Amino acid sequence: MATDLNSVYLTDSTNFRKFLGTYDTEGESIITKCRGDSVYLALIVPVCENPQFNFKRKTKERAYSLQDLRETIFF
């Protein structure tokens, strides 16, 4: 068996590039939401390995201010 991993970055392609995390495409995901100047993200993972039960939970949450990211260059 093999799994695929995806890495997620937050960038405006000019001023900053911030690594947000890596997730397994077999049931995990990273969701993002924008509110005003802030970007909120959460890592969502399955509660159990049985695909019959599609319950998921947040394991990590984080918020970033776009203004703060622009002031610090990550490239």
PDB file of N, CA and C in Angstrom:
ATOM      1  N   MET A   1       0.843  -1.187   0.000  1.00  0.00           N
ATOM      2  CA  MET A   1       0.000   0.000   0.000  1.00  0.00           C
ATOM      3  C   MET A   1       0.883   1.243   0.000  1.00  0.00           C
ATOM      4  N   ALA A   2       0.397   2.245  -0.663  1.00  0.00           N
ATOM      5  CA  ALA A   2       1.120   3.517  -0.705  1.00  0.00           C
ATOM      6  C   ALA A   2       0.122   4.648  -0.523  1.00  0.00           C
ATOM      7  N   THR A   3       0.584   5.715   0.030  1.00  0.00           N
ATOM      8  CA  THR A   3      -0.270   6.887   0.194  1.00  0.00           C
ATOM      9  C   THR A   3       0.403   8.080  -0.454  1.00  0.00           C
ATOM     10  N   ASP A   4      -0.408   9.048  -0.783  1.00  0.00           N
ATOM     11  CA  ASP A   4       0.110  10.283  -1.356  1.00  0.00           C
ATOM     12  C   ASP A   4       0.050  11.386  -0.330  1.00  0.00           C
ATOM     13  N   LEU A   5       1.072  12.207  -0.307  1.00  0.00           N
ATOM     14  CA  LEU A   5       1.122  13.347   0.595  1.00  0.00           C
ATOM     15  C   LEU A   5       1.115  14.624  -0.233  1.00  0.00           C
ATOM     16  N   ASN A   6       0.372  15.601   0.216  1.00  0.00           N
ATOM     17  CA  ASN A   6       0.347  16.919  -0.405  1.00  0.00           C
ATOM     18  C   ASN A   6       0.859  17.943   0.593  1.00  0.00           C
ATOM     19  N   SER A   7       1.646  18.880   0.107  1.00  0.00           N
ATOM     20  CA  SER A   7       2.113  19.989   0.933  1.00  0.00           C
ATOM     21  C   SER A   7       1.364  21.241   0.507  1.00  0.00           C
ATOM     22  N   VAL A   8       1.070  22.097   1.477  1.00  0.00           N
ATOM     23  CA  VAL A   8       0.289  23.303   1.212  1.00  0.00           C
ATOM     24  C   VAL A   8       1.101  24.522   1.633  1.00  0.00           C
ATOM     25  N   TYR A   9       1.125  25.530   0.773  1.00  0.00           N
ATOM     26  CA  TYR A   9       1.821  26.782   1.034  1.00  0.00           C
ATOM     27  C   TYR A   9       0.838  27.935   0.888  1.00  0.00           C
ATOM     28  N   LEU A  10       1.056  28.971   1.659  1.00  0.00           N
ATOM     29  CA  LEU A  10       0.318  30.223   1.522  1.00  0.00           C
ATOM     30  C   LEU A  10       1.276  31.228   0.907  1.00  0.00           C
ATOM     31  N   THR A  11       0.906  31.812  -0.241  1.00  0.00           N
ATOM     32  CA  THR A  11       1.795  32.744  -0.915  1.00  0.00           C
ATOM     33  C   THR A  11       0.994  33.788  -1.690  1.00  0.00           C
ATOM     34  N   ASP A  12       1.602  34.945  -1.876  1.00  0.00           N
ATOM     35  CA  ASP A  12       1.020  35.922  -2.801  1.00  0.00           C
ATOM     36  C   ASP A  12       1.873  35.987  -4.071  1.00  0.00           C
ATOM     37  N   SER A  13       2.788  35.042  -4.225  1.00  0.00           N
ATOM     38  CA  SER A  13       3.665  34.874  -5.387  1.00  0.00           C
ATOM     39  C   SER A  13       4.713  35.967  -5.550  1.00  0.00           C
ATOM     40  N   THR A  14       4.711  36.963  -4.688  1.00  0.00           N
ATOM     41  CA  THR A  14       5.676  38.045  -4.814  1.00  0.00           C
ATOM     42  C   THR A  14       6.435  38.295  -3.522  1.00  0.00           C
ATOM     43  N   ASN A  15       5.714  38.451  -2.424  1.00  0.00           N
ATOM     44  CA  ASN A  15       6.318  38.902  -1.171  1.00  0.00           C
ATOM     45  C   ASN A  15       6.606  37.804  -0.157  1.00  0.00           C
ATOM     46  N   PHE A  16       5.824  36.759  -0.124  1.00  0.00           N
ATOM     47  CA  PHE A  16       6.026  35.752   0.918  1.00  0.00           C
ATOM     48  C   PHE A  16       5.576  34.376   0.431  1.00  0.00           C
ATOM     49  N   ARG A  17       6.131  33.352   1.077  1.00  0.00           N
ATOM     50  CA  ARG A  17       5.741  31.962   0.873  1.00  0.00           C
ATOM     51  C   ARG A  17       5.875  31.275   2.214  1.00  0.00           C
ATOM     52  N   LYS A  18       4.768  30.798   2.747  1.00  0.00           N
ATOM     53  CA  LYS A  18       4.736  30.195   4.080  1.00  0.00           C
ATOM     54  C   LYS A  18       4.251  28.753   3.967  1.00  0.00           C
ATOM     55  N   PHE A  19       5.065  27.813   4.445  1.00  0.00           N
ATOM     56  CA  PHE A  19       4.683  26.406   4.475  1.00  0.00           C
ATOM     57  C   PHE A  19       3.609  26.206   5.538  1.00  0.00           C
ATOM     58  N   LEU A  20       2.456  25.651   5.156  1.00  0.00           N
ATOM     59  CA  LEU A  20       1.367  25.455   6.101  1.00  0.00           C
ATOM     60  C   LEU A  20       1.328  24.042   6.667  1.00  0.00           C
ATOM     61  N   GLY A  21       1.719  23.069   5.879  1.00  0.00           N
ATOM     62  CA  GLY A  21       1.713  21.711   6.387  1.00  0.00           C
ATOM     63  C   GLY A  21       1.599  20.683   5.277  1.00  0.00           C
ATOM     64  N   THR A  22       1.656  19.429   5.686  1.00  0.00           N
ATOM     65  CA  THR A  22       1.532  18.299   4.774  1.00  0.00           C
ATOM     66  C   THR A  22       0.402  17.417   5.282  1.00  0.00           C
ATOM     67  N   TYR A  23      -0.372  16.878   4.340  1.00  0.00           N
ATOM     68  CA  TYR A  23      -1.457  15.986   4.732  1.00  0.00           C
ATOM     69  C   TYR A  23      -1.504  14.786   3.804  1.00  0.00           C
ATOM     70  N   ASP A  24      -2.053  13.697   4.311  1.00  0.00           N
ATOM     71  CA  ASP A  24      -2.224  12.460   3.559  1.00  0.00           C
ATOM     72  C   ASP A  24      -3.532  12.577   2.776  1.00  0.00           C
ATOM     73  N   THR A  25      -3.479  12.354   1.468  1.00  0.00           N
ATOM     74  CA  THR A  25      -4.684  12.512   0.646  1.00  0.00           C
ATOM     75  C   THR A  25      -5.720  11.428   0.905  1.00  0.00           C
ATOM     76  N   GLU A  26      -5.376  10.428   1.674  1.00  0.00           N
ATOM     77  CA  GLU A  26      -6.297   9.350   2.006  1.00  0.00           C
ATOM     78  C   GLU A  26      -7.122   9.711   3.234  1.00  0.00           C
ATOM     79  N   GLY A  27      -7.944  10.741   3.129  1.00  0.00           N
ATOM     80  CA  GLY A  27      -8.860  11.090   4.205  1.00  0.00           C
ATOM     81  C   GLY A  27      -8.542  12.363   4.954  1.00  0.00           C
ATOM     82  N   GLU A  28      -7.285  12.825   4.924  1.00  0.00           N
ATOM     83  CA  GLU A  28      -6.935  14.063   5.611  1.00  0.00           C
ATOM     84  C   GLU A  28      -7.098  15.250   4.669  1.00  0.00           C
ATOM     85  N   SER A  29      -7.192  16.437   5.245  1.00  0.00           N
ATOM     86  CA  SER A  29      -7.243  17.654   4.431  1.00  0.00           C
ATOM     87  C   SER A  29      -6.842  18.850   5.279  1.00  0.00           C
ATOM     88  N   ILE A  30      -6.402  19.885   4.611  1.00  0.00           N
ATOM     89  CA  ILE A  30      -6.143  21.172   5.247  1.00  0.00           C
ATOM     90  C   ILE A  30      -7.146  22.144   4.672  1.00  0.00           C
ATOM     91  N   ILE A  31      -7.948  22.730   5.544  1.00  0.00           N
ATOM     92  CA  ILE A  31      -8.935  23.703   5.079  1.00  0.00           C
ATOM     93  C   ILE A  31      -8.486  25.103   5.494  1.00  0.00           C
ATOM     94  N   THR A  32      -8.788  26.058   4.651  1.00  0.00           N
ATOM     95  CA  THR A  32      -8.425  27.447   4.926  1.00  0.00           C
ATOM     96  C   THR A  32      -9.645  28.333   4.778  1.00  0.00           C
ATOM     97  N   LYS A  33      -9.677  29.394   5.568  1.00  0.00           N
ATOM     98  CA  LYS A  33     -10.746  30.395   5.500  1.00  0.00           C
ATOM     99  C   LYS A  33     -10.128  31.768   5.671  1.00  0.00           C
ATOM    100  N   CYS A  34     -10.581  32.709   4.892  1.00  0.00           N
ATOM    101  CA  CYS A  34     -10.116  34.094   5.004  1.00  0.00           C
ATOM    102  C   CYS A  34     -11.182  34.928   5.684  1.00  0.00           C
ATOM    103  N   ARG A  35     -10.737  35.746   6.619  1.00  0.00           N
ATOM    104  CA  ARG A  35     -11.616  36.719   7.281  1.00  0.00           C
ATOM    105  C   ARG A  35     -10.821  37.988   7.478  1.00  0.00           C
ATOM    106  N   GLY A  36     -11.174  39.011   6.701  1.00  0.00           N
ATOM    107  CA  GLY A  36     -10.456  40.273   6.810  1.00  0.00           C
ATOM    108  C   GLY A  36      -9.013  40.093   6.412  1.00  0.00           C
ATOM    109  N   ASP A  37      -8.099  40.448   7.306  1.00  0.00           N
ATOM    110  CA  ASP A  37      -6.672  40.354   7.049  1.00  0.00           C
ATOM    111  C   ASP A  37      -6.104  39.006   7.454  1.00  0.00           C
ATOM    112  N   SER A  38      -6.898  38.130   8.031  1.00  0.00           N
ATOM    113  CA  SER A  38      -6.379  36.876   8.580  1.00  0.00           C
ATOM    114  C   SER A  38      -6.785  35.667   7.756  1.00  0.00           C
ATOM    115  N   VAL A  39      -5.895  34.680   7.739  1.00  0.00           N
ATOM    116  CA  VAL A  39      -6.157  33.390   7.120  1.00  0.00           C
ATOM    117  C   VAL A  39      -6.120  32.354   8.227  1.00  0.00           C
ATOM    118  N   TYR A  40      -7.192  31.570   8.335  1.00  0.00           N
ATOM    119  CA  TYR A  40      -7.300  30.528   9.356  1.00  0.00           C
ATOM    120  C   TYR A  40      -7.198  29.179   8.669  1.00  0.00           C
ATOM    121  N   LEU A  41      -6.467  28.250   9.277  1.00  0.00           N
ATOM    122  CA  LEU A  41      -6.364  26.921   8.697  1.00  0.00           C
ATOM    123  C   LEU A  41      -6.498  25.872   9.774  1.00  0.00           C
ATOM    124  N   ALA A  42      -6.934  24.689   9.326  1.00  0.00           N
ATOM    125  CA  ALA A  42      -7.095  23.559  10.239  1.00  0.00           C
ATOM    126  C   ALA A  42      -6.767  22.273   9.501  1.00  0.00           C
ATOM    127  N   LEU A  43      -6.092  21.355  10.184  1.00  0.00           N
ATOM    128  CA  LEU A  43      -5.837  20.021   9.655  1.00  0.00           C
ATOM    129  C   LEU A  43      -6.985  19.135  10.108  1.00  0.00           C
ATOM    130  N   ILE A  44      -7.646  18.489   9.148  1.00  0.00           N
ATOM    131  CA  ILE A  44      -8.788  17.626   9.422  1.00  0.00           C
ATOM    132  C   ILE A  44      -8.365  16.185   9.177  1.00  0.00           C
ATOM    133  N   VAL A  45      -8.589  15.315  10.150  1.00  0.00           N
ATOM    134  CA  VAL A  45      -8.211  13.900  10.019  1.00  0.00           C
ATOM    135  C   VAL A  45      -9.417  13.015  10.364  1.00  0.00           C
ATOM    136  N   PRO A  46      -9.457  11.785   9.799  1.00  0.00           N
ATOM    137  CA  PRO A  46     -10.544  10.863  10.141  1.00  0.00           C
ATOM    138  C   PRO A  46     -10.439  10.413  11.596  1.00  0.00           C
ATOM    139  N   VAL A  47     -11.573  10.164  12.207  1.00  0.00           N
ATOM    140  CA  VAL A  47     -11.600   9.685  13.597  1.00  0.00           C
ATOM    141  C   VAL A  47     -11.181   8.221  13.659  1.00  0.00           C
ATOM    142  N   CYS A  48     -11.608   7.429  12.683  1.00  0.00           N
ATOM    143  CA  CYS A  48     -11.216   6.021  12.652  1.00  0.00           C
ATOM    144  C   CYS A  48     -10.867   5.638  11.221  1.00  0.00           C
ATOM    145  N   GLU A  49     -10.222   4.479  11.064  1.00  0.00           N
ATOM    146  CA  GLU A  49      -9.769   4.048   9.743  1.00  0.00           C
ATOM    147  C   GLU A  49     -10.866   3.391   8.921  1.00  0.00           C
ATOM    148  N   ASN A  50     -11.996   3.065   9.506  1.00  0.00           N
ATOM    149  CA  ASN A  50     -13.100   2.438   8.793  1.00  0.00           C
ATOM    150  C   ASN A  50     -13.798   3.485   7.919  1.00  0.00           C
ATOM    151  N   PRO A  51     -13.762   3.351   6.579  1.00  0.00           N
ATOM    152  CA  PRO A  51     -14.382   4.361   5.712  1.00  0.00           C
ATOM    153  C   PRO A  51     -15.895   4.443   5.840  1.00  0.00           C
ATOM    154  N   GLN A  52     -16.514   3.445   6.476  1.00  0.00           N
ATOM    155  CA  GLN A  52     -17.956   3.468   6.677  1.00  0.00           C
ATOM    156  C   GLN A  52     -18.352   4.629   7.593  1.00  0.00           C
ATOM    157  N   PHE A  53     -17.489   4.959   8.533  1.00  0.00           N
ATOM    158  CA  PHE A  53     -17.739   6.062   9.450  1.00  0.00           C
ATOM    159  C   PHE A  53     -16.926   7.255   8.978  1.00  0.00           C
ATOM    160  N   ASN A  54     -17.588   8.277   8.488  1.00  0.00           N
ATOM    161  CA  ASN A  54     -16.915   9.416   7.869  1.00  0.00           C
ATOM    162  C   ASN A  54     -16.760  10.578   8.853  1.00  0.00           C
ATOM    163  N   PHE A  55     -16.533  10.276  10.125  1.00  0.00           N
ATOM    164  CA  PHE A  55     -16.381  11.315  11.127  1.00  0.00           C
ATOM    165  C   PHE A  55     -14.958  11.858  11.088  1.00  0.00           C
ATOM    166  N   LYS A  56     -14.828  13.168  11.161  1.00  0.00           N
ATOM    167  CA  LYS A  56     -13.506  13.796  11.118  1.00  0.00           C
ATOM    168  C   LYS A  56     -13.384  14.780  12.269  1.00  0.00           C
ATOM    169  N   ARG A  57     -12.137  15.114  12.605  1.00  0.00           N
ATOM    170  CA  ARG A  57     -11.898  16.074  13.685  1.00  0.00           C
ATOM    171  C   ARG A  57     -10.716  16.962  13.320  1.00  0.00           C
ATOM    172  N   LYS A  58     -10.694  18.125  13.923  1.00  0.00           N
ATOM    173  CA  LYS A  58      -9.576  19.046  13.748  1.00  0.00           C
ATOM    174  C   LYS A  58      -8.469  18.648  14.706  1.00  0.00           C
ATOM    175  N   THR A  59      -7.241  18.586  14.197  1.00  0.00           N
ATOM    176  CA  THR A  59      -6.130  18.261  15.085  1.00  0.00           C
ATOM    177  C   THR A  59      -5.218  19.455  15.304  1.00  0.00           C
ATOM    178  N   LYS A  60      -5.125  20.337  14.316  1.00  0.00           N
ATOM    179  CA  LYS A  60      -4.281  21.520  14.446  1.00  0.00           C
ATOM    180  C   LYS A  60      -5.028  22.714  13.863  1.00  0.00           C
ATOM    181  N   GLU A  61      -4.937  23.829  14.536  1.00  0.00           N
ATOM    182  CA  GLU A  61      -5.520  25.070  14.034  1.00  0.00           C
ATOM    183  C   GLU A  61      -4.479  26.173  14.152  1.00  0.00           C
ATOM    184  N   ARG A  62      -4.500  27.091  13.193  1.00  0.00           N
ATOM    185  CA  ARG A  62      -3.532  28.184  13.184  1.00  0.00           C
ATOM    186  C   ARG A  62      -4.130  29.362  12.434  1.00  0.00           C
ATOM    187  N   ALA A  63      -3.686  30.558  12.772  1.00  0.00           N
ATOM    188  CA  ALA A  63      -4.122  31.774  12.077  1.00  0.00           C
ATOM    189  C   ALA A  63      -2.890  32.587  11.692  1.00  0.00           C
ATOM    190  N   TYR A  64      -2.958  33.221  10.527  1.00  0.00           N
ATOM    191  CA  TYR A  64      -1.883  34.078  10.036  1.00  0.00           C
ATOM    192  C   TYR A  64      -2.458  35.425   9.625  1.00  0.00           C
ATOM    193  N   SER A  65      -1.765  36.486   9.971  1.00  0.00           N
ATOM    194  CA  SER A  65      -2.118  37.821   9.518  1.00  0.00           C
ATOM    195  C   SER A  65      -1.386  38.078   8.202  1.00  0.00           C
ATOM    196  N   LEU A  66      -2.121  38.447   7.160  1.00  0.00           N
ATOM    197  CA  LEU A  66      -1.488  38.703   5.870  1.00  0.00           C
ATOM    198  C   LEU A  66      -0.539  39.890   5.949  1.00  0.00           C
ATOM    199  N   GLN A  67      -0.873  40.877   6.746  1.00  0.00           N
ATOM    200  CA  GLN A  67       0.008  42.036   6.903  1.00  0.00           C
ATOM    201  C   GLN A  67       1.348  41.614   7.508  1.00  0.00           C
ATOM    202  N   ASP A  68       1.307  40.762   8.528  1.00  0.00           N
ATOM    203  CA  ASP A  68       2.552  40.277   9.142  1.00  0.00           C
ATOM    204  C   ASP A  68       3.371  39.457   8.155  1.00  0.00           C
ATOM    205  N   LEU A  69       2.719  38.651   7.320  1.00  0.00           N
ATOM    206  CA  LEU A  69       3.438  37.850   6.341  1.00  0.00           C
ATOM    207  C   LEU A  69       4.089  38.719   5.281  1.00  0.00           C
ATOM    208  N   ARG A  70       3.435  39.784   4.886  1.00  0.00           N
ATOM    209  CA  ARG A  70       4.004  40.693   3.879  1.00  0.00           C
ATOM    210  C   ARG A  70       5.222  41.427   4.421  1.00  0.00           C
ATOM    211  N   GLU A  71       5.260  41.683   5.717  1.00  0.00           N
ATOM    212  CA  GLU A  71       6.375  42.416   6.325  1.00  0.00           C
ATOM    213  C   GLU A  71       7.616  41.535   6.460  1.00  0.00           C
ATOM    214  N   THR A  72       7.437  40.212   6.463  1.00  0.00           N
ATOM    215  CA  THR A  72       8.553  39.291   6.567  1.00  0.00           C
ATOM    216  C   THR A  72       8.638  38.510   5.259  1.00  0.00           C
ATOM    217  N   ILE A  73       9.719  38.623   4.550  1.00  0.00           N
ATOM    218  CA  ILE A  73       9.872  37.946   3.261  1.00  0.00           C
ATOM    219  C   ILE A  73      10.370  36.536   3.506  1.00  0.00           C
ATOM    220  N   PHE A  74       9.661  35.553   2.943  1.00  0.00           N
ATOM    221  CA  PHE A  74      10.011  34.138   3.125  1.00  0.00           C
ATOM    222  C   PHE A  74      10.717  33.540   1.927  1.00  0.00           C
ATOM    223  N   PHE A  75      10.816  34.228   0.819  1.00  0.00           N
ATOM    224  CA  PHE A  75      11.466  33.670  -0.365  1.00  0.00           C
ATOM    225  C   PHE A  75      12.956  33.659  -0.198  1.00  0.00           C
TER     226      PHE A  75
END
